[in-house]
Amino acid sequence: MISLYGTNTHEPAELGQLIAELLGVRFTERESDYRGIYLAARLGQARIEIQPNAIPGDDDQPGLYSDAHPDTPVLVLVSGADQDGALGAGLAAIDGLAALKIRPT
């Protein structure tokens, strides 16, 4: 399953702290030429990534990771199993974080 959440309320680092406290995970900062700087953590079989929607683009023009949600500056991508238990409940408990897309893999 792959899920996409978004927020207009929290910055990536702040959201990472909230999720870490709720779920007991530890985020590490990663950097990608395509995605820019993002945070990543694991909870069981699930992978949680927090990143800005604005990503590096071609010719120094920024792009969007999710064109379908241009007004959502911060995204949470969740992949893998175990999303219906503590992970889903924890994310649902965060004020200002909304489920944008959930699809089975």
PDB file of N, CA and C in Angstrom:
ATOM      1  N   MET A   1       0.844  -1.168   0.000  1.00  0.00           N
ATOM      2  CA  MET A   1       0.000   0.000   0.000  1.00  0.00           C
ATOM      3  C   MET A   1       0.893   1.236   0.000  1.00  0.00           C
ATOM      4  N   ILE A   2       0.474   2.221  -0.729  1.00  0.00           N
ATOM      5  CA  ILE A   2       1.173   3.506  -0.757  1.00  0.00           C
ATOM      6  C   ILE A   2       0.161   4.582  -0.371  1.00  0.00           C
ATOM      7  N   SER A   3       0.524   5.411   0.600  1.00  0.00           N
ATOM      8  CA  SER A   3      -0.360   6.481   1.056  1.00  0.00           C
ATOM      9  C   SER A   3       0.370   7.808   0.969  1.00  0.00           C
ATOM     10  N   LEU A   4      -0.394   8.858   0.676  1.00  0.00           N
ATOM     11  CA  LEU A   4       0.145  10.210   0.596  1.00  0.00           C
ATOM     12  C   LEU A   4      -0.682  11.095   1.518  1.00  0.00           C
ATOM     13  N   TYR A   5       0.002  11.775   2.413  1.00  0.00           N
ATOM     14  CA  TYR A   5      -0.626  12.723   3.325  1.00  0.00           C
ATOM     15  C   TYR A   5      -0.005  14.089   3.061  1.00  0.00           C
ATOM     16  N   GLY A   6      -0.693  15.145   3.456  1.00  0.00           N
ATOM     17  CA  GLY A   6      -0.143  16.477   3.261  1.00  0.00           C
ATOM     18  C   GLY A   6      -0.598  17.432   4.339  1.00  0.00           C
ATOM     19  N   THR A   7       0.161  18.525   4.476  1.00  0.00           N
ATOM     20  CA  THR A   7      -0.178  19.546   5.470  1.00  0.00           C
ATOM     21  C   THR A   7       0.217  20.932   4.989  1.00  0.00           C
ATOM     22  N   ASN A   8      -0.588  21.891   5.395  1.00  0.00           N
ATOM     23  CA  ASN A   8      -0.271  23.312   5.211  1.00  0.00           C
ATOM     24  C   ASN A   8       0.128  23.913   6.551  1.00  0.00           C
ATOM     25  N   THR A   9       0.077  23.115   7.598  1.00  0.00           N
ATOM     26  CA  THR A   9       0.232  23.586   8.965  1.00  0.00           C
ATOM     27  C   THR A   9       1.646  23.423   9.513  1.00  0.00           C
ATOM     28  N   HIS A  10       2.314  22.347   9.141  1.00  0.00           N
ATOM     29  CA  HIS A  10       3.602  22.003   9.744  1.00  0.00           C
ATOM     30  C   HIS A  10       4.737  22.054   8.725  1.00  0.00           C
ATOM     31  N   GLU A  11       5.913  22.438   9.204  1.00  0.00           N
ATOM     32  CA  GLU A  11       7.138  22.344   8.416  1.00  0.00           C
ATOM     33  C   GLU A  11       7.648  20.904   8.500  1.00  0.00           C
ATOM     34  N   PRO A  12       8.492  20.445   7.552  1.00  0.00           N
ATOM     35  CA  PRO A  12       8.955  19.060   7.589  1.00  0.00           C
ATOM     36  C   PRO A  12       9.603  18.643   8.915  1.00  0.00           C
ATOM     37  N   ALA A  13      10.501  19.439   9.457  1.00  0.00           N
ATOM     38  CA  ALA A  13      11.184  19.064  10.701  1.00  0.00           C
ATOM     39  C   ALA A  13      10.202  18.973  11.865  1.00  0.00           C
ATOM     40  N   GLU A  14       9.285  19.911  11.947  1.00  0.00           N
ATOM     41  CA  GLU A  14       8.274  19.903  13.018  1.00  0.00           C
ATOM     42  C   GLU A  14       7.378  18.672  12.894  1.00  0.00           C
ATOM     43  N   LEU A  15       6.958  18.361  11.678  1.00  0.00           N
ATOM     44  CA  LEU A  15       6.118  17.192  11.450  1.00  0.00           C
ATOM     45  C   LEU A  15       6.877  15.912  11.793  1.00  0.00           C
ATOM     46  N   GLY A  16       8.154  15.872  11.463  1.00  0.00           N
ATOM     47  CA  GLY A  16       8.981  14.727  11.817  1.00  0.00           C
ATOM     48  C   GLY A  16       9.032  14.514  13.316  1.00  0.00           C
ATOM     49  N   GLN A  17       9.149  15.596  14.074  1.00  0.00           N
ATOM     50  CA  GLN A  17       9.161  15.490  15.535  1.00  0.00           C
ATOM     51  C   GLN A  17       7.836  14.959  16.056  1.00  0.00           C
ATOM     52  N   LEU A  18       6.733  15.472  15.522  1.00  0.00           N
ATOM     53  CA  LEU A  18       5.409  15.020  15.960  1.00  0.00           C
ATOM     54  C   LEU A  18       5.225  13.522  15.704  1.00  0.00           C
ATOM     55  N   ILE A  19       5.567  13.096  14.488  1.00  0.00           N
ATOM     56  CA  ILE A  19       5.407  11.686  14.136  1.00  0.00           C
ATOM     57  C   ILE A  19       6.336  10.815  14.967  1.00  0.00           C
ATOM     58  N   ALA A  20       7.572  11.268  15.168  1.00  0.00           N
ATOM     59  CA  ALA A  20       8.532  10.506  15.973  1.00  0.00           C
ATOM     60  C   ALA A  20       8.022  10.315  17.397  1.00  0.00           C
ATOM     61  N   GLU A  21       7.472  11.364  17.993  1.00  0.00           N
ATOM     62  CA  GLU A  21       6.956  11.274  19.357  1.00  0.00           C
ATOM     63  C   GLU A  21       5.735  10.359  19.430  1.00  0.00           C
ATOM     64  N   LEU A  22       4.845  10.449  18.451  1.00  0.00           N
ATOM     65  CA  LEU A  22       3.627   9.626  18.462  1.00  0.00           C
ATOM     66  C   LEU A  22       3.906   8.149  18.210  1.00  0.00           C
ATOM     67  N   LEU A  23       4.835   7.878  17.303  1.00  0.00           N
ATOM     68  CA  LEU A  23       5.038   6.496  16.852  1.00  0.00           C
ATOM     69  C   LEU A  23       6.332   5.858  17.352  1.00  0.00           C
ATOM     70  N   GLY A  24       7.185   6.638  17.983  1.00  0.00           N
ATOM     71  CA  GLY A  24       8.432   6.084  18.489  1.00  0.00           C
ATOM     72  C   GLY A  24       9.427   5.723  17.395  1.00  0.00           C
ATOM     73  N   VAL A  25       9.438   6.485  16.318  1.00  0.00           N
ATOM     74  CA  VAL A  25      10.393   6.244  15.232  1.00  0.00           C
ATOM     75  C   VAL A  25      11.458   7.328  15.250  1.00  0.00           C
ATOM     76  N   ARG A  26      12.546   7.073  14.529  1.00  0.00           N
ATOM     77  CA  ARG A  26      13.629   8.054  14.424  1.00  0.00           C
ATOM     78  C   ARG A  26      13.832   8.377  12.951  1.00  0.00           C
ATOM     79  N   PHE A  27      13.714   9.643  12.612  1.00  0.00           N
ATOM     80  CA  PHE A  27      13.909  10.080  11.234  1.00  0.00           C
ATOM     81  C   PHE A  27      15.365  10.432  10.993  1.00  0.00           C
ATOM     82  N   THR A  28      15.840  10.124   9.799  1.00  0.00           N
ATOM     83  CA  THR A  28      17.158  10.552   9.360  1.00  0.00           C
ATOM     84  C   THR A  28      16.983  11.421   8.131  1.00  0.00           C
ATOM     85  N   GLU A  29      17.852  12.399   8.007  1.00  0.00           N
ATOM     86  CA  GLU A  29      17.788  13.288   6.859  1.00  0.00           C
ATOM     87  C   GLU A  29      18.480  12.634   5.676  1.00  0.00           C
ATOM     88  N   ARG A  30      17.836  12.694   4.535  1.00  0.00           N
ATOM     89  CA  ARG A  30      18.377  12.166   3.283  1.00  0.00           C
ATOM     90  C   ARG A  30      18.378  13.281   2.245  1.00  0.00           C
ATOM     91  N   GLU A  31      19.197  13.098   1.227  1.00  0.00           N
ATOM     92  CA  GLU A  31      19.240  14.080   0.138  1.00  0.00           C
ATOM     93  C   GLU A  31      19.251  13.353  -1.196  1.00  0.00           C
ATOM     94  N   SER A  32      18.464  13.869  -2.116  1.00  0.00           N
ATOM     95  CA  SER A  32      18.325  13.277  -3.438  1.00  0.00           C
ATOM     96  C   SER A  32      18.364  14.388  -4.480  1.00  0.00           C
ATOM     97  N   ASP A  33      19.009  14.122  -5.601  1.00  0.00           N
ATOM     98  CA  ASP A  33      19.015  15.103  -6.692  1.00  0.00           C
ATOM     99  C   ASP A  33      17.600  15.364  -7.197  1.00  0.00           C
ATOM    100  N   TYR A  34      16.772  14.339  -7.180  1.00  0.00           N
ATOM    101  CA  TYR A  34      15.402  14.467  -7.687  1.00  0.00           C
ATOM    102  C   TYR A  34      14.465  15.067  -6.647  1.00  0.00           C
ATOM    103  N   ARG A  35      14.565  14.610  -5.391  1.00  0.00           N
ATOM    104  CA  ARG A  35      13.601  15.004  -4.366  1.00  0.00           C
ATOM    105  C   ARG A  35      14.085  16.099  -3.434  1.00  0.00           C
ATOM    106  N   GLY A  36      15.358  16.426  -3.461  1.00  0.00           N
ATOM    107  CA  GLY A  36      15.887  17.394  -2.520  1.00  0.00           C
ATOM    108  C   GLY A  36      16.116  16.751  -1.169  1.00  0.00           C
ATOM    109  N   ILE A  37      16.012  17.517  -0.102  1.00  0.00           N
ATOM    110  CA  ILE A  37      16.220  17.012   1.250  1.00  0.00           C
ATOM    111  C   ILE A  37      14.889  16.521   1.805  1.00  0.00           C
ATOM    112  N   TYR A  38      14.912  15.311   2.367  1.00  0.00           N
ATOM    113  CA  TYR A  38      13.708  14.743   2.964  1.00  0.00           C
ATOM    114  C   TYR A  38      14.089  13.930   4.192  1.00  0.00           C
ATOM    115  N   LEU A  39      13.092  13.560   4.982  1.00  0.00           N
ATOM    116  CA  LEU A  39      13.293  12.759   6.188  1.00  0.00           C
ATOM    117  C   LEU A  39      12.733  11.369   5.956  1.00  0.00           C
ATOM    118  N   ALA A  40      13.399  10.340   6.478  1.00  0.00           N
ATOM    119  CA  ALA A  40      12.952   8.963   6.291  1.00  0.00           C
ATOM    120  C   ALA A  40      13.047   8.191   7.605  1.00  0.00           C
ATOM    121  N   ALA A  41      12.067   7.299   7.808  1.00  0.00           N
ATOM    122  CA  ALA A  41      12.046   6.426   8.985  1.00  0.00           C
ATOM    123  C   ALA A  41      11.332   5.135   8.620  1.00  0.00           C
ATOM    124  N   ARG A  42      11.529   4.122   9.456  1.00  0.00           N
ATOM    125  CA  ARG A  42      10.826   2.837   9.293  1.00  0.00           C
ATOM    126  C   ARG A  42      10.046   2.539  10.555  1.00  0.00           C
ATOM    127  N   LEU A  43       8.876   1.957  10.358  1.00  0.00           N
ATOM    128  CA  LEU A  43       8.068   1.449  11.450  1.00  0.00           C
ATOM    129  C   LEU A  43       7.583   0.072  11.019  1.00  0.00           C
ATOM    130  N   GLY A  44       8.211  -0.972  11.541  1.00  0.00           N
ATOM    131  CA  GLY A  44       7.891  -2.327  11.083  1.00  0.00           C
ATOM    132  C   GLY A  44       8.221  -2.454   9.604  1.00  0.00           C
ATOM    133  N   GLN A  45       7.263  -2.868   8.822  1.00  0.00           N
ATOM    134  CA  GLN A  45       7.450  -3.025   7.379  1.00  0.00           C
ATOM    135  C   GLN A  45       7.158  -1.745   6.603  1.00  0.00           C
ATOM    136  N   ALA A  46       6.727  -0.696   7.287  1.00  0.00           N
ATOM    137  CA  ALA A  46       6.359   0.555   6.618  1.00  0.00           C
ATOM    138  C   ALA A  46       7.539   1.523   6.573  1.00  0.00           C
ATOM    139  N   ARG A  47       7.616   2.271   5.498  1.00  0.00           N
ATOM    140  CA  ARG A  47       8.599   3.333   5.334  1.00  0.00           C
ATOM    141  C   ARG A  47       7.835   4.655   5.315  1.00  0.00           C
ATOM    142  N   ILE A  48       8.305   5.612   6.111  1.00  0.00           N
ATOM    143  CA  ILE A  48       7.668   6.924   6.217  1.00  0.00           C
ATOM    144  C   ILE A  48       8.675   7.959   5.727  1.00  0.00           C
ATOM    145  N   GLU A  49       8.244   8.804   4.802  1.00  0.00           N
ATOM    146  CA  GLU A  49       9.114   9.864   4.276  1.00  0.00           C
ATOM    147  C   GLU A  49       8.366  11.187   4.332  1.00  0.00           C
ATOM    148  N   ILE A  50       9.051  12.208   4.802  1.00  0.00           N
ATOM    149  CA  ILE A  50       8.486  13.563   4.878  1.00  0.00           C
ATOM    150  C   ILE A  50       9.321  14.450   3.984  1.00  0.00           C
ATOM    151  N   GLN A  51       8.654  15.186   3.112  1.00  0.00           N
ATOM    152  CA  GLN A  51       9.410  16.038   2.199  1.00  0.00           C
ATOM    153  C   GLN A  51       8.587  17.235   1.763  1.00  0.00           C
ATOM    154  N   PRO A  52       9.270  18.297   1.349  1.00  0.00           N
ATOM    155  CA  PRO A  52       8.549  19.418   0.754  1.00  0.00           C
ATOM    156  C   PRO A  52       7.949  18.983  -0.582  1.00  0.00           C
ATOM    157  N   ASN A  53       6.817  19.555  -0.929  1.00  0.00           N
ATOM    158  CA  ASN A  53       6.236  19.275  -2.241  1.00  0.00           C
ATOM    159  C   ASN A  53       7.090  19.918  -3.335  1.00  0.00           C
ATOM    160  N   ALA A  54       7.697  21.059  -3.035  1.00  0.00           N
ATOM    161  CA  ALA A  54       8.583  21.716  -4.005  1.00  0.00           C
ATOM    162  C   ALA A  54       9.882  20.922  -4.080  1.00  0.00           C
ATOM    163  N   ILE A  55      10.242  20.508  -5.279  1.00  0.00           N
ATOM    164  CA  ILE A  55      11.461  19.722  -5.486  1.00  0.00           C
ATOM    165  C   ILE A  55      12.336  20.416  -6.518  1.00  0.00           C
ATOM    166  N   PRO A  56      13.643  20.079  -6.522  1.00  0.00           N
ATOM    167  CA  PRO A  56      14.519  20.664  -7.544  1.00  0.00           C
ATOM    168  C   PRO A  56      14.014  20.299  -8.938  1.00  0.00           C
ATOM    169  N   GLY A  57      14.083  21.250  -9.840  1.00  0.00           N
ATOM    170  CA  GLY A  57      13.633  20.993 -11.202  1.00  0.00           C
ATOM    171  C   GLY A  57      14.746  21.216 -12.202  1.00  0.00           C
ATOM    172  N   ASP A  58      14.407  21.075 -13.438  1.00  0.00           N
ATOM    173  CA  ASP A  58      15.377  21.304 -14.509  1.00  0.00           C
ATOM    174  C   ASP A  58      15.642  22.795 -14.675  1.00  0.00           C
ATOM    175  N   ASP A  59      16.850  23.126 -15.057  1.00  0.00           N
ATOM    176  CA  ASP A  59      17.244  24.509 -15.334  1.00  0.00           C
ATOM    177  C   ASP A  59      16.944  25.444 -14.166  1.00  0.00           C
ATOM    178  N   ASP A  60      17.159  24.949 -12.940  1.00  0.00           N
ATOM    179  CA  ASP A  60      16.949  25.742 -11.727  1.00  0.00           C
ATOM    180  C   ASP A  60      15.518  26.207 -11.532  1.00  0.00           C
ATOM    181  N   GLN A  61      14.567  25.598 -12.230  1.00  0.00           N
ATOM    182  CA  GLN A  61      13.152  25.890 -12.033  1.00  0.00           C
ATOM    183  C   GLN A  61      12.563  24.828 -11.122  1.00  0.00           C
ATOM    184  N   PRO A  62      12.042  25.221  -9.955  1.00  0.00           N
ATOM    185  CA  PRO A  62      11.491  24.211  -9.051  1.00  0.00           C
ATOM    186  C   PRO A  62      10.262  23.536  -9.645  1.00  0.00           C
ATOM    187  N   GLY A  63      10.067  22.295  -9.254  1.00  0.00           N
ATOM    188  CA  GLY A  63       8.895  21.546  -9.672  1.00  0.00           C
ATOM    189  C   GLY A  63       8.122  21.108  -8.439  1.00  0.00           C
ATOM    190  N   LEU A  64       7.089  20.308  -8.655  1.00  0.00           N
ATOM    191  CA  LEU A  64       6.299  19.765  -7.554  1.00  0.00           C
ATOM    192  C   LEU A  64       6.395  18.251  -7.568  1.00  0.00           C
ATOM    193  N   TYR A  65       6.554  17.654  -6.396  1.00  0.00           N
ATOM    194  CA  TYR A  65       6.535  16.201  -6.302  1.00  0.00           C
ATOM    195  C   TYR A  65       5.130  15.701  -6.621  1.00  0.00           C
ATOM    196  N   SER A  66       4.123  16.379  -6.108  1.00  0.00           N
ATOM    197  CA  SER A  66       2.733  16.009  -6.358  1.00  0.00           C
ATOM    198  C   SER A  66       2.024  17.165  -7.050  1.00  0.00           C
ATOM    199  N   ASP A  67       1.966  17.100  -8.370  1.00  0.00           N
ATOM    200  CA  ASP A  67       1.273  18.141  -9.140  1.00  0.00           C
ATOM    201  C   ASP A  67      -0.206  18.224  -8.786  1.00  0.00           C
ATOM    202  N   ALA A  68      -0.777  17.136  -8.311  1.00  0.00           N
ATOM    203  CA  ALA A  68      -2.201  17.102  -7.971  1.00  0.00           C
ATOM    204  C   ALA A  68      -2.516  17.912  -6.712  1.00  0.00           C
ATOM    205  N   HIS A  69      -1.482  18.285  -5.955  1.00  0.00           N
ATOM    206  CA  HIS A  69      -1.697  19.007  -4.699  1.00  0.00           C
ATOM    207  C   HIS A  69      -0.764  20.217  -4.605  1.00  0.00           C
ATOM    208  N   PRO A  70      -0.900  21.175  -5.525  1.00  0.00           N
ATOM    209  CA  PRO A  70       0.045  22.302  -5.547  1.00  0.00           C
ATOM    210  C   PRO A  70      -0.034  23.217  -4.327  1.00  0.00           C
ATOM    211  N   ASP A  71      -1.156  23.195  -3.604  1.00  0.00           N
ATOM    212  CA  ASP A  71      -1.312  24.054  -2.435  1.00  0.00           C
ATOM    213  C   ASP A  71      -0.908  23.370  -1.131  1.00  0.00           C
ATOM    214  N   THR A  72      -0.296  22.199  -1.234  1.00  0.00           N
ATOM    215  CA  THR A  72       0.141  21.453  -0.057  1.00  0.00           C
ATOM    216  C   THR A  72       1.661  21.463  -0.029  1.00  0.00           C
ATOM    217  N   PRO A  73       2.267  22.267   0.849  1.00  0.00           N
ATOM    218  CA  PRO A  73       3.722  22.426   0.819  1.00  0.00           C
ATOM    219  C   PRO A  73       4.527  21.279   1.422  1.00  0.00           C
ATOM    220  N   VAL A  74       3.926  20.464   2.297  1.00  0.00           N
ATOM    221  CA  VAL A  74       4.660  19.379   2.938  1.00  0.00           C
ATOM    222  C   VAL A  74       3.894  18.075   2.753  1.00  0.00           C
ATOM    223  N   LEU A  75       4.612  17.035   2.315  1.00  0.00           N
ATOM    224  CA  LEU A  75       4.014  15.735   2.047  1.00  0.00           C
ATOM    225  C   LEU A  75       4.595  14.668   2.957  1.00  0.00           C
ATOM    226  N   VAL A  76       3.773  13.661   3.264  1.00  0.00           N
ATOM    227  CA  VAL A  76       4.217  12.462   3.971  1.00  0.00           C
ATOM    228  C   VAL A  76       3.870  11.285   3.075  1.00  0.00           C
ATOM    229  N   LEU A  77       4.886  10.534   2.664  1.00  0.00           N
ATOM    230  CA  LEU A  77       4.693   9.349   1.839  1.00  0.00           C
ATOM    231  C   LEU A  77       4.898   8.127   2.713  1.00  0.00           C
ATOM    232  N   VAL A  78       3.957   7.207   2.673  1.00  0.00           N
ATOM    233  CA  VAL A  78       4.043   5.983   3.482  1.00  0.00           C
ATOM    234  C   VAL A  78       3.899   4.806   2.542  1.00  0.00           C
ATOM    235  N   SER A  79       4.847   3.882   2.606  1.00  0.00           N
ATOM    236  CA  SER A  79       4.775   2.684   1.769  1.00  0.00           C
ATOM    237  C   SER A  79       5.015   1.458   2.632  1.00  0.00           C
ATOM    238  N   GLY A  80       4.479   0.335   2.182  1.00  0.00           N
ATOM    239  CA  GLY A  80       4.657  -0.909   2.908  1.00  0.00           C
ATOM    240  C   GLY A  80       3.429  -1.292   3.700  1.00  0.00           C
ATOM    241  N   ALA A  81       3.571  -2.346   4.471  1.00  0.00           N
ATOM    242  CA  ALA A  81       2.461  -2.893   5.244  1.00  0.00           C
ATOM    243  C   ALA A  81       2.280  -2.137   6.553  1.00  0.00           C
ATOM    244  N   ASP A  82       1.355  -2.588   7.361  1.00  0.00           N
ATOM    245  CA  ASP A  82       1.113  -2.076   8.711  1.00  0.00           C
ATOM    246  C   ASP A  82       0.557  -0.664   8.751  1.00  0.00           C
ATOM    247  N   GLN A  83      -0.124  -0.216   7.713  1.00  0.00           N
ATOM    248  CA  GLN A  83      -0.639   1.144   7.713  1.00  0.00           C
ATOM    249  C   GLN A  83      -2.001   1.273   8.376  1.00  0.00           C
ATOM    250  N   ASP A  84      -2.672   0.166   8.625  1.00  0.00           N
ATOM    251  CA  ASP A  84      -3.995   0.236   9.231  1.00  0.00           C
ATOM    252  C   ASP A  84      -3.952   0.251  10.747  1.00  0.00           C
ATOM    253  N   GLY A  85      -2.839  -0.064  11.347  1.00  0.00           N
ATOM    254  CA  GLY A  85      -2.735  -0.150  12.805  1.00  0.00           C
ATOM    255  C   GLY A  85      -2.275   1.154  13.416  1.00  0.00           C
ATOM    256  N   ALA A  86      -1.220   1.062  14.221  1.00  0.00           N
ATOM    257  CA  ALA A  86      -0.710   2.218  14.964  1.00  0.00           C
ATOM    258  C   ALA A  86      -0.252   3.339  14.035  1.00  0.00           C
ATOM    259  N   LEU A  87       0.304   2.986  12.895  1.00  0.00           N
ATOM    260  CA  LEU A  87       0.787   4.007  11.962  1.00  0.00           C
ATOM    261  C   LEU A  87      -0.365   4.865  11.449  1.00  0.00           C
ATOM    262  N   GLY A  88      -1.400   4.224  10.938  1.00  0.00           N
ATOM    263  CA  GLY A  88      -2.550   4.974  10.431  1.00  0.00           C
ATOM    264  C   GLY A  88      -3.220   5.791  11.518  1.00  0.00           C
ATOM    265  N   ALA A  89      -3.361   5.210  12.702  1.00  0.00           N
ATOM    266  CA  ALA A  89      -3.981   5.923  13.819  1.00  0.00           C
ATOM    267  C   ALA A  89      -3.124   7.109  14.256  1.00  0.00           C
ATOM    268  N   GLY A  90      -1.811   6.915  14.287  1.00  0.00           N
ATOM    269  CA  GLY A  90      -0.913   7.998  14.672  1.00  0.00           C
ATOM    270  C   GLY A  90      -0.966   9.163  13.708  1.00  0.00           C
ATOM    271  N   LEU A  91      -0.943   8.870  12.420  1.00  0.00           N
ATOM    272  CA  LEU A  91      -1.004   9.938  11.425  1.00  0.00           C
ATOM    273  C   LEU A  91      -2.356  10.643  11.462  1.00  0.00           C
ATOM    274  N   ALA A  92      -3.435   9.886  11.667  1.00  0.00           N
ATOM    275  CA  ALA A  92      -4.780  10.474  11.733  1.00  0.00           C
ATOM    276  C   ALA A  92      -4.926  11.393  12.946  1.00  0.00           C
ATOM    277  N   ALA A  93      -4.109  11.187  13.980  1.00  0.00           N
ATOM    278  CA  ALA A  93      -4.209  11.981  15.203  1.00  0.00           C
ATOM    279  C   ALA A  93      -3.507  13.333  15.101  1.00  0.00           C
ATOM    280  N   ILE A  94      -2.767  13.565  14.039  1.00  0.00           N
ATOM    281  CA  ILE A  94      -2.017  14.820  13.901  1.00  0.00           C
ATOM    282  C   ILE A  94      -2.906  15.881  13.277  1.00  0.00           C
ATOM    283  N   ASP A  95      -3.180  16.943  14.047  1.00  0.00           N
ATOM    284  CA  ASP A  95      -3.982  18.055  13.539  1.00  0.00           C
ATOM    285  C   ASP A  95      -3.286  18.690  12.345  1.00  0.00           C
ATOM    286  N   GLY A  96      -4.044  18.940  11.310  1.00  0.00           N
ATOM    287  CA  GLY A  96      -3.504  19.602  10.122  1.00  0.00           C
ATOM    288  C   GLY A  96      -2.903  18.661   9.102  1.00  0.00           C
ATOM    289  N   LEU A  97      -2.848  17.351   9.381  1.00  0.00           N
ATOM    290  CA  LEU A  97      -2.324  16.381   8.420  1.00  0.00           C
ATOM    291  C   LEU A  97      -3.501  15.633   7.819  1.00  0.00           C
ATOM    292  N   ALA A  98      -3.634  15.704   6.503  1.00  0.00           N
ATOM    293  CA  ALA A  98      -4.783  15.104   5.817  1.00  0.00           C
ATOM    294  C   ALA A  98      -4.333  13.998   4.868  1.00  0.00           C
ATOM    295  N   ALA A  99      -5.124  12.939   4.785  1.00  0.00           N
ATOM    296  CA  ALA A  99      -4.881  11.884   3.797  1.00  0.00           C
ATOM    297  C   ALA A  99      -5.245  12.430   2.420  1.00  0.00           C
ATOM    298  N   LEU A 100      -4.301  12.377   1.495  1.00  0.00           N
ATOM    299  CA  LEU A 100      -4.526  12.884   0.142  1.00  0.00           C
ATOM    300  C   LEU A 100      -4.818  11.757  -0.842  1.00  0.00           C
ATOM    301  N   LYS A 101      -4.113  10.624  -0.681  1.00  0.00           N
ATOM    302  CA  LYS A 101      -4.316   9.500  -1.593  1.00  0.00           C
ATOM    303  C   LYS A 101      -3.835   8.226  -0.901  1.00  0.00           C
ATOM    304  N   ILE A 102      -4.672   7.202  -0.955  1.00  0.00           N
ATOM    305  CA  ILE A 102      -4.298   5.890  -0.423  1.00  0.00           C
ATOM    306  C   ILE A 102      -4.624   4.878  -1.487  1.00  0.00           C
ATOM    307  N   ARG A 103      -3.618   4.091  -1.879  1.00  0.00           N
ATOM    308  CA  ARG A 103      -3.862   3.075  -2.911  1.00  0.00           C
ATOM    309  C   ARG A 103      -3.116   1.794  -2.577  1.00  0.00           C
ATOM    310  N   PRO A 104      -3.754   0.664  -2.830  1.00  0.00           N
ATOM    311  CA  PRO A 104      -3.056  -0.610  -2.614  1.00  0.00           C
ATOM    312  C   PRO A 104      -1.946  -0.793  -3.640  1.00  0.00           C
ATOM    313  N   THR A 105      -0.910  -1.536  -3.260  1.00  0.00           N
ATOM    314  CA  THR A 105       0.173  -1.810  -4.209  1.00  0.00           C
ATOM    315  C   THR A 105      -0.021  -3.155  -4.837  1.00  0.00           C
TER     316      THR A 105
END
